[in-house]
Amino acid sequence: MDRKAVQFAIKPLNQSNTVQVLPLIQTLKSDITTDQWMDYVHSFTGRDSRECGIITVKNTAGYYMGVLCYKVVEDVTHQVVMDVTNYVTADILGRNDISETLLEWLESQAVERECQAIHLTIDIRNTIIPENGYTKSIPNQLINKGYVCDAVRLCKKINQNSITQH
């Protein structure tokens, strides 16, 4: 089967289909309730789509296969960034078509919105904060206060003429 034969539709989340996306979100946050998800989705309603949105990926059979939430925000290092959370793809059997499709959309939209970078937060579960030169003395203080590392933020710097790694 040709990998490119599979087609996906990338569209903003339709309010009437909000609950259908919940199982994807629950792969990251298993304890999130329908009401919590609906409240979160409603926080995006009525806002400028340049500023924020929830994007979905559906396959030709109509199943939701991916979702991401984004906000265009100011950042001290990169000025304007596309801040992405709740990034979930249902890539199966070692294929990454959905993730590739969603990342291509994300990068083109960041350029269109004149962002200097993409900040992609990936959820992880209850791991200890990794130590490096900067954080070596910080983790014990934070851990003692009840902090856990529940996400990692990745950054991709955007060159308006082409997309480059940061």
N, C-alpha and C. Protein backbone atom coordinates (compact mmCIF):
# COMPACT_ATOMS: atom_id res chain seq x y z
N MET A 1 0.84 -1.18 0.00
CA MET A 1 0.00 0.00 0.00
C MET A 1 0.88 1.25 0.00
N ASP A 2 0.60 2.14 -0.86
CA ASP A 2 1.35 3.39 -0.97
C ASP A 2 1.05 4.26 0.25
N ARG A 3 2.10 4.68 0.94
CA ARG A 3 1.93 5.50 2.15
C ARG A 3 1.23 6.82 1.83
N LYS A 4 1.46 7.37 0.66
CA LYS A 4 0.86 8.65 0.30
C LYS A 4 -0.60 8.50 -0.12
N ALA A 5 -1.07 7.26 -0.28
CA ALA A 5 -2.44 7.05 -0.71
C ALA A 5 -3.44 7.42 0.38
N VAL A 6 -3.03 7.37 1.64
CA VAL A 6 -3.92 7.72 2.73
C VAL A 6 -4.05 9.24 2.79
N GLN A 7 -5.28 9.71 2.80
CA GLN A 7 -5.53 11.14 2.82
C GLN A 7 -6.12 11.55 4.16
N PHE A 8 -5.77 12.73 4.60
CA PHE A 8 -6.29 13.27 5.86
C PHE A 8 -6.84 14.66 5.62
N ALA A 9 -7.87 15.00 6.37
CA ALA A 9 -8.43 16.34 6.34
C ALA A 9 -8.04 17.05 7.63
N ILE A 10 -7.43 18.22 7.49
CA ILE A 10 -7.04 19.03 8.65
C ILE A 10 -8.01 20.20 8.72
N LYS A 11 -8.71 20.28 9.86
CA LYS A 11 -9.72 21.33 10.01
C LYS A 11 -9.78 21.79 11.46
N PRO A 12 -10.23 23.02 11.66
CA PRO A 12 -10.49 23.46 13.04
C PRO A 12 -11.58 22.59 13.66
N LEU A 13 -11.49 22.39 14.97
CA LEU A 13 -12.49 21.59 15.67
C LEU A 13 -13.84 22.27 15.56
N ASN A 14 -14.82 21.50 15.15
CA ASN A 14 -16.20 21.96 15.07
C ASN A 14 -16.83 21.74 16.44
N GLN A 15 -17.48 22.76 16.99
CA GLN A 15 -18.08 22.65 18.33
C GLN A 15 -18.98 21.43 18.47
N SER A 16 -19.68 21.06 17.41
CA SER A 16 -20.60 19.92 17.49
C SER A 16 -19.88 18.58 17.59
N ASN A 17 -18.59 18.55 17.26
CA ASN A 17 -17.83 17.30 17.31
C ASN A 17 -16.82 17.26 18.45
N THR A 18 -16.94 18.17 19.39
CA THR A 18 -15.97 18.30 20.48
C THR A 18 -15.78 17.00 21.25
N VAL A 19 -16.87 16.33 21.59
CA VAL A 19 -16.79 15.12 22.41
C VAL A 19 -16.12 13.99 21.64
N GLN A 20 -16.22 13.97 20.31
CA GLN A 20 -15.60 12.91 19.52
C GLN A 20 -14.07 12.95 19.59
N VAL A 21 -13.50 14.10 19.91
CA VAL A 21 -12.05 14.24 20.01
C VAL A 21 -11.54 13.85 21.40
N LEU A 22 -12.44 13.81 22.38
CA LEU A 22 -12.05 13.53 23.76
C LEU A 22 -11.22 12.26 23.93
N PRO A 23 -11.54 11.14 23.28
CA PRO A 23 -10.69 9.95 23.46
C PRO A 23 -9.22 10.17 23.08
N LEU A 24 -8.98 10.99 22.07
CA LEU A 24 -7.59 11.32 21.72
C LEU A 24 -6.92 12.09 22.86
N ILE A 25 -7.61 13.08 23.39
CA ILE A 25 -7.08 13.88 24.49
C ILE A 25 -6.85 13.00 25.72
N GLN A 26 -7.73 12.04 25.94
CA GLN A 26 -7.60 11.17 27.10
C GLN A 26 -6.41 10.22 27.00
N THR A 27 -5.83 10.07 25.83
CA THR A 27 -4.59 9.29 25.75
C THR A 27 -3.46 10.02 26.46
N LEU A 28 -3.56 11.35 26.55
CA LEU A 28 -2.58 12.16 27.28
C LEU A 28 -2.99 12.37 28.73
N LYS A 29 -4.26 12.64 28.90
CA LYS A 29 -4.79 13.01 30.21
C LYS A 29 -6.00 12.12 30.51
N SER A 30 -5.73 10.92 31.01
CA SER A 30 -6.79 9.92 31.17
C SER A 30 -7.87 10.34 32.16
N ASP A 31 -7.57 11.25 33.06
CA ASP A 31 -8.56 11.63 34.07
C ASP A 31 -9.40 12.85 33.68
N ILE A 32 -9.21 13.39 32.49
CA ILE A 32 -9.99 14.56 32.08
C ILE A 32 -11.43 14.13 31.82
N THR A 33 -12.36 14.94 32.31
CA THR A 33 -13.78 14.64 32.13
C THR A 33 -14.31 15.34 30.89
N THR A 34 -15.48 14.93 30.47
CA THR A 34 -16.14 15.57 29.33
C THR A 34 -16.36 17.05 29.62
N ASP A 35 -16.81 17.36 30.83
CA ASP A 35 -17.05 18.77 31.19
C ASP A 35 -15.77 19.59 31.16
N GLN A 36 -14.67 19.03 31.66
CA GLN A 36 -13.39 19.75 31.62
C GLN A 36 -12.96 20.02 30.18
N TRP A 37 -13.09 19.02 29.33
CA TRP A 37 -12.72 19.18 27.92
C TRP A 37 -13.60 20.23 27.26
N MET A 38 -14.92 20.16 27.51
CA MET A 38 -15.84 21.12 26.90
C MET A 38 -15.51 22.55 27.36
N ASP A 39 -15.22 22.72 28.65
CA ASP A 39 -14.85 24.05 29.16
C ASP A 39 -13.58 24.56 28.49
N TYR A 40 -12.60 23.67 28.32
CA TYR A 40 -11.35 24.05 27.67
C TYR A 40 -11.62 24.48 26.22
N VAL A 41 -12.39 23.69 25.50
CA VAL A 41 -12.72 24.01 24.11
C VAL A 41 -13.45 25.35 24.03
N HIS A 42 -14.38 25.58 24.94
CA HIS A 42 -15.14 26.84 24.94
C HIS A 42 -14.23 28.05 25.19
N SER A 43 -13.10 27.85 25.87
CA SER A 43 -12.18 28.97 26.10
C SER A 43 -11.55 29.46 24.79
N PHE A 44 -11.62 28.64 23.74
CA PHE A 44 -11.09 29.02 22.43
C PHE A 44 -12.17 29.67 21.56
N THR A 45 -13.42 29.53 21.92
CA THR A 45 -14.54 30.00 21.11
C THR A 45 -14.61 31.52 21.08
N GLY A 46 -14.86 32.04 19.90
CA GLY A 46 -15.04 33.48 19.75
C GLY A 46 -13.75 34.28 19.72
N ARG A 47 -12.62 33.59 19.75
CA ARG A 47 -11.34 34.28 19.68
C ARG A 47 -10.84 34.28 18.24
N ASP A 48 -9.96 35.18 17.95
CA ASP A 48 -9.37 35.30 16.62
C ASP A 48 -8.64 34.00 16.27
N SER A 49 -8.95 33.40 15.11
CA SER A 49 -8.32 32.13 14.73
C SER A 49 -6.83 32.30 14.45
N ARG A 50 -6.37 33.54 14.22
CA ARG A 50 -4.93 33.76 14.10
C ARG A 50 -4.30 33.57 15.47
N GLU A 51 -5.03 33.97 16.51
CA GLU A 51 -4.52 33.95 17.87
C GLU A 51 -4.51 32.54 18.47
N CYS A 52 -5.54 31.75 18.22
CA CYS A 52 -5.60 30.42 18.83
C CYS A 52 -6.58 29.53 18.09
N GLY A 53 -6.47 28.23 18.34
CA GLY A 53 -7.39 27.29 17.74
C GLY A 53 -7.11 25.86 18.16
N ILE A 54 -8.06 25.02 17.85
CA ILE A 54 -7.91 23.58 18.05
C ILE A 54 -8.06 22.95 16.68
N ILE A 55 -7.04 22.23 16.26
CA ILE A 55 -6.98 21.67 14.92
C ILE A 55 -7.10 20.15 15.01
N THR A 56 -7.88 19.57 14.10
CA THR A 56 -8.07 18.12 14.09
C THR A 56 -7.62 17.53 12.76
N VAL A 57 -7.32 16.25 12.81
CA VAL A 57 -7.01 15.48 11.61
C VAL A 57 -7.99 14.32 11.56
N LYS A 58 -8.70 14.20 10.43
CA LYS A 58 -9.62 13.08 10.23
C LYS A 58 -9.15 12.27 9.03
N ASN A 59 -9.37 10.96 9.11
CA ASN A 59 -9.05 10.13 7.95
C ASN A 59 -10.25 10.07 7.02
N THR A 60 -10.10 9.38 5.90
CA THR A 60 -11.18 9.33 4.90
C THR A 60 -12.42 8.61 5.41
N ALA A 61 -12.27 7.79 6.45
CA ALA A 61 -13.43 7.10 7.04
C ALA A 61 -14.15 7.99 8.06
N GLY A 62 -13.60 9.19 8.31
CA GLY A 62 -14.25 10.12 9.22
C GLY A 62 -13.83 10.01 10.68
N TYR A 63 -12.78 9.23 10.95
CA TYR A 63 -12.30 9.08 12.32
C TYR A 63 -11.26 10.15 12.65
N TYR A 64 -11.36 10.71 13.86
CA TYR A 64 -10.35 11.67 14.31
C TYR A 64 -9.07 10.91 14.62
N MET A 65 -7.98 11.34 14.00
CA MET A 65 -6.69 10.67 14.14
C MET A 65 -5.62 11.56 14.76
N GLY A 66 -5.93 12.83 14.94
CA GLY A 66 -4.96 13.74 15.52
C GLY A 66 -5.63 15.03 15.97
N VAL A 67 -4.97 15.69 16.90
CA VAL A 67 -5.47 16.97 17.41
C VAL A 67 -4.28 17.76 17.98
N LEU A 68 -4.38 19.06 17.90
CA LEU A 68 -3.45 19.94 18.60
C LEU A 68 -4.18 21.24 18.93
N CYS A 69 -3.71 21.88 19.98
CA CYS A 69 -4.25 23.18 20.39
C CYS A 69 -3.11 24.18 20.27
N TYR A 70 -3.40 25.35 19.74
CA TYR A 70 -2.33 26.35 19.59
C TYR A 70 -2.80 27.73 20.03
N LYS A 71 -1.83 28.51 20.46
CA LYS A 71 -2.03 29.93 20.75
C LYS A 71 -0.81 30.67 20.23
N VAL A 72 -1.02 31.78 19.58
CA VAL A 72 0.08 32.63 19.16
C VAL A 72 0.33 33.59 20.31
N VAL A 73 1.56 33.54 20.85
CA VAL A 73 1.89 34.31 22.05
C VAL A 73 3.23 35.03 21.88
N GLU A 74 3.45 36.00 22.73
CA GLU A 74 4.74 36.70 22.79
C GLU A 74 5.70 35.88 23.64
N ASP A 75 6.96 35.87 23.24
CA ASP A 75 7.99 35.12 23.95
C ASP A 75 9.23 35.99 24.07
N VAL A 76 9.87 35.97 25.21
CA VAL A 76 11.02 36.83 25.44
C VAL A 76 12.19 36.48 24.51
N THR A 77 12.34 35.23 24.16
CA THR A 77 13.46 34.81 23.31
C THR A 77 13.14 34.92 21.83
N HIS A 78 11.96 34.46 21.43
CA HIS A 78 11.63 34.34 20.01
C HIS A 78 10.57 35.33 19.52
N GLN A 79 10.22 36.31 20.33
CA GLN A 79 9.20 37.30 20.01
C GLN A 79 7.83 36.62 19.84
N VAL A 80 7.38 36.39 18.62
CA VAL A 80 6.07 35.78 18.39
C VAL A 80 6.25 34.29 18.13
N VAL A 81 5.54 33.47 18.91
CA VAL A 81 5.65 32.02 18.75
C VAL A 81 4.28 31.39 18.66
N MET A 82 4.24 30.24 18.01
CA MET A 82 3.04 29.41 18.03
C MET A 82 3.28 28.40 19.15
N ASP A 83 2.50 28.53 20.21
CA ASP A 83 2.63 27.68 21.40
C ASP A 83 1.61 26.55 21.27
N VAL A 84 2.12 25.32 21.17
CA VAL A 84 1.27 24.16 20.88
C VAL A 84 1.22 23.23 22.08
N THR A 85 0.00 22.83 22.44
CA THR A 85 -0.22 21.87 23.52
C THR A 85 -1.20 20.80 23.05
N ASN A 86 -1.37 19.79 23.86
CA ASN A 86 -2.32 18.70 23.57
C ASN A 86 -2.11 18.13 22.17
N TYR A 87 -0.86 17.92 21.83
CA TYR A 87 -0.50 17.36 20.52
C TYR A 87 -0.64 15.84 20.61
N VAL A 88 -1.62 15.30 19.89
CA VAL A 88 -1.87 13.86 19.91
C VAL A 88 -2.07 13.38 18.49
N THR A 89 -1.41 12.29 18.14
CA THR A 89 -1.68 11.64 16.86
C THR A 89 -1.84 10.15 17.10
N ALA A 90 -2.73 9.55 16.36
CA ALA A 90 -3.00 8.12 16.47
C ALA A 90 -2.27 7.38 15.37
N ASP A 91 -0.97 7.64 15.26
CA ASP A 91 -0.16 6.93 14.27
C ASP A 91 -0.12 5.46 14.67
N ILE A 92 -0.35 4.58 13.71
CA ILE A 92 -0.42 3.15 14.02
C ILE A 92 0.55 2.35 13.19
N LEU A 93 0.94 1.21 13.74
CA LEU A 93 1.79 0.25 13.05
C LEU A 93 3.10 0.87 12.56
N GLY A 94 3.67 1.74 13.38
CA GLY A 94 4.96 2.33 13.04
C GLY A 94 4.92 3.41 11.98
N ARG A 95 3.74 3.71 11.49
CA ARG A 95 3.62 4.78 10.48
C ARG A 95 3.50 6.11 11.19
N ASN A 96 3.96 7.15 10.54
CA ASN A 96 3.84 8.48 11.13
C ASN A 96 3.19 9.48 10.17
N ASP A 97 2.31 8.99 9.33
CA ASP A 97 1.64 9.85 8.34
C ASP A 97 0.86 10.98 9.01
N ILE A 98 0.15 10.66 10.07
CA ILE A 98 -0.70 11.65 10.72
C ILE A 98 0.16 12.72 11.36
N SER A 99 1.17 12.30 12.09
CA SER A 99 2.07 13.25 12.73
C SER A 99 2.76 14.13 11.69
N GLU A 100 3.22 13.52 10.61
CA GLU A 100 3.87 14.29 9.55
C GLU A 100 2.91 15.31 8.94
N THR A 101 1.68 14.89 8.70
CA THR A 101 0.67 15.78 8.14
C THR A 101 0.40 16.96 9.08
N LEU A 102 0.25 16.66 10.36
CA LEU A 102 -0.04 17.70 11.34
C LEU A 102 1.14 18.66 11.52
N LEU A 103 2.36 18.13 11.52
CA LEU A 103 3.54 18.98 11.65
C LEU A 103 3.72 19.88 10.43
N GLU A 104 3.45 19.36 9.24
CA GLU A 104 3.54 20.18 8.03
C GLU A 104 2.54 21.33 8.10
N TRP A 105 1.31 21.04 8.54
CA TRP A 105 0.30 22.09 8.70
C TRP A 105 0.79 23.12 9.72
N LEU A 106 1.28 22.63 10.85
CA LEU A 106 1.73 23.50 11.93
C LEU A 106 2.82 24.46 11.46
N GLU A 107 3.80 23.94 10.75
CA GLU A 107 4.91 24.76 10.28
C GLU A 107 4.46 25.79 9.24
N SER A 108 3.59 25.39 8.34
CA SER A 108 3.11 26.36 7.35
C SER A 108 2.26 27.45 8.00
N GLN A 109 1.47 27.08 9.00
CA GLN A 109 0.65 28.08 9.69
C GLN A 109 1.50 29.03 10.54
N ALA A 110 2.57 28.52 11.12
CA ALA A 110 3.48 29.38 11.90
C ALA A 110 4.11 30.42 10.99
N VAL A 111 4.52 30.01 9.80
CA VAL A 111 5.09 30.95 8.83
C VAL A 111 4.02 31.97 8.42
N GLU A 112 2.82 31.50 8.11
CA GLU A 112 1.73 32.38 7.69
C GLU A 112 1.40 33.42 8.77
N ARG A 113 1.51 33.01 10.02
CA ARG A 113 1.19 33.90 11.14
C ARG A 113 2.41 34.72 11.59
N GLU A 114 3.49 34.63 10.82
CA GLU A 114 4.72 35.38 11.07
C GLU A 114 5.34 35.09 12.44
N CYS A 115 5.28 33.82 12.84
CA CYS A 115 5.90 33.40 14.09
C CYS A 115 7.39 33.17 13.85
N GLN A 116 8.19 33.44 14.87
CA GLN A 116 9.62 33.21 14.78
C GLN A 116 10.01 31.81 15.27
N ALA A 117 9.07 31.14 15.96
CA ALA A 117 9.35 29.79 16.46
C ALA A 117 8.05 29.07 16.77
N ILE A 118 8.18 27.77 16.89
CA ILE A 118 7.09 26.92 17.37
C ILE A 118 7.57 26.33 18.69
N HIS A 119 6.74 26.45 19.71
CA HIS A 119 7.00 25.79 20.99
C HIS A 119 5.98 24.67 21.11
N LEU A 120 6.45 23.44 21.10
CA LEU A 120 5.58 22.27 21.14
C LEU A 120 5.77 21.57 22.48
N THR A 121 4.74 21.59 23.31
CA THR A 121 4.80 20.95 24.62
C THR A 121 4.27 19.53 24.50
N ILE A 122 5.12 18.58 24.87
CA ILE A 122 4.77 17.17 24.83
C ILE A 122 4.53 16.70 26.26
N ASP A 123 3.35 16.16 26.51
CA ASP A 123 3.03 15.67 27.85
C ASP A 123 3.79 14.39 28.16
N ILE A 124 4.30 14.31 29.38
CA ILE A 124 4.90 13.10 29.91
C ILE A 124 4.32 12.91 31.30
N ARG A 125 4.51 11.76 31.88
CA ARG A 125 3.85 11.50 33.16
C ARG A 125 4.83 11.38 34.32
N ASN A 126 4.71 12.26 35.29
CA ASN A 126 5.34 12.16 36.61
C ASN A 126 6.79 11.73 36.60
N THR A 127 7.59 12.32 35.75
CA THR A 127 9.01 12.00 35.77
C THR A 127 9.75 13.07 36.56
N ILE A 128 10.91 12.71 37.02
CA ILE A 128 11.73 13.66 37.75
C ILE A 128 12.28 14.68 36.75
N ILE A 129 12.41 15.91 37.19
CA ILE A 129 12.96 16.97 36.33
C ILE A 129 14.40 16.62 35.97
N PRO A 130 14.73 16.59 34.69
CA PRO A 130 16.10 16.23 34.31
C PRO A 130 17.10 17.27 34.83
N GLU A 131 18.24 16.79 35.27
CA GLU A 131 19.26 17.69 35.79
C GLU A 131 20.26 18.05 34.71
N ASN A 132 20.62 19.33 34.67
CA ASN A 132 21.73 19.79 33.85
C ASN A 132 22.41 20.91 34.64
N GLY A 133 23.36 21.58 34.06
CA GLY A 133 24.08 22.61 34.79
C GLY A 133 23.19 23.66 35.42
N TYR A 134 22.18 24.10 34.69
CA TYR A 134 21.29 25.15 35.19
C TYR A 134 20.35 24.62 36.26
N THR A 135 19.82 23.43 36.05
CA THR A 135 18.77 22.93 36.94
C THR A 135 19.27 22.08 38.10
N LYS A 136 20.57 21.87 38.19
CA LYS A 136 21.10 20.94 39.19
C LYS A 136 20.64 21.27 40.61
N SER A 137 20.62 22.53 40.99
CA SER A 137 20.22 22.88 42.36
C SER A 137 18.72 23.11 42.49
N ILE A 138 18.04 23.25 41.39
CA ILE A 138 16.61 23.56 41.44
C ILE A 138 15.72 22.35 41.72
N PRO A 139 15.96 21.17 41.11
CA PRO A 139 15.02 20.07 41.27
C PRO A 139 14.65 19.70 42.70
N ASN A 140 15.61 19.60 43.60
CA ASN A 140 15.27 19.22 44.97
C ASN A 140 14.33 20.22 45.61
N GLN A 141 14.56 21.51 45.37
CA GLN A 141 13.67 22.53 45.91
C GLN A 141 12.26 22.34 45.35
N LEU A 142 12.16 22.14 44.05
CA LEU A 142 10.86 21.98 43.41
C LEU A 142 10.19 20.67 43.81
N ILE A 143 10.94 19.58 43.81
CA ILE A 143 10.38 18.28 44.18
C ILE A 143 9.87 18.32 45.61
N ASN A 144 10.61 18.96 46.50
CA ASN A 144 10.17 19.08 47.89
C ASN A 144 8.88 19.89 48.03
N LYS A 145 8.61 20.74 47.07
CA LYS A 145 7.37 21.53 47.06
C LYS A 145 6.25 20.83 46.29
N GLY A 146 6.52 19.62 45.78
CA GLY A 146 5.48 18.86 45.09
C GLY A 146 5.45 18.99 43.59
N TYR A 147 6.44 19.62 42.99
CA TYR A 147 6.48 19.76 41.54
C TYR A 147 6.98 18.48 40.88
N VAL A 148 6.38 18.12 39.77
CA VAL A 148 6.87 17.02 38.94
C VAL A 148 6.96 17.53 37.51
N CYS A 149 7.79 16.90 36.73
CA CYS A 149 7.91 17.25 35.32
C CYS A 149 6.82 16.48 34.58
N ASP A 150 5.79 17.19 34.11
CA ASP A 150 4.71 16.51 33.41
C ASP A 150 4.70 16.82 31.91
N ALA A 151 5.68 17.61 31.46
CA ALA A 151 5.75 17.96 30.05
C ALA A 151 7.17 18.38 29.69
N VAL A 152 7.46 18.28 28.41
CA VAL A 152 8.73 18.75 27.86
C VAL A 152 8.38 19.68 26.71
N ARG A 153 9.05 20.81 26.64
CA ARG A 153 8.79 21.74 25.54
C ARG A 153 9.90 21.65 24.52
N LEU A 154 9.50 21.43 23.27
CA LEU A 154 10.43 21.42 22.15
C LEU A 154 10.29 22.76 21.41
N CYS A 155 11.38 23.20 20.80
CA CYS A 155 11.36 24.48 20.09
C CYS A 155 11.92 24.28 18.69
N LYS A 156 11.22 24.85 17.72
CA LYS A 156 11.72 24.88 16.35
C LYS A 156 11.71 26.33 15.89
N LYS A 157 12.89 26.85 15.59
CA LYS A 157 13.00 28.22 15.13
C LYS A 157 12.55 28.29 13.67
N ILE A 158 11.81 29.33 13.34
CA ILE A 158 11.27 29.49 12.00
C ILE A 158 12.04 30.59 11.28
N ASN A 159 12.54 30.24 10.10
CA ASN A 159 13.11 31.22 9.18
C ASN A 159 12.00 31.48 8.18
N GLN A 160 11.60 32.70 8.00
CA GLN A 160 10.45 33.00 7.14
C GLN A 160 10.62 32.51 5.70
N ASN A 161 11.84 32.28 5.25
CA ASN A 161 12.06 31.78 3.90
C ASN A 161 12.07 30.26 3.84
N SER A 162 12.49 29.65 4.93
CA SER A 162 12.50 28.19 5.01
C SER A 162 12.46 27.81 6.47
N ILE A 163 12.11 26.60 6.75
CA ILE A 163 12.02 26.14 8.12
C ILE A 163 13.32 25.47 8.50
N THR A 164 13.89 25.90 9.64
CA THR A 164 15.16 25.35 10.09
C THR A 164 15.05 24.86 11.52
N GLN A 165 15.97 23.98 11.90
CA GLN A 165 16.01 23.47 13.27
C GLN A 165 16.66 24.49 14.18
N HIS A 166 16.23 24.53 15.43
CA HIS A 166 16.81 25.41 16.45
C HIS A 166 17.65 24.58 17.39
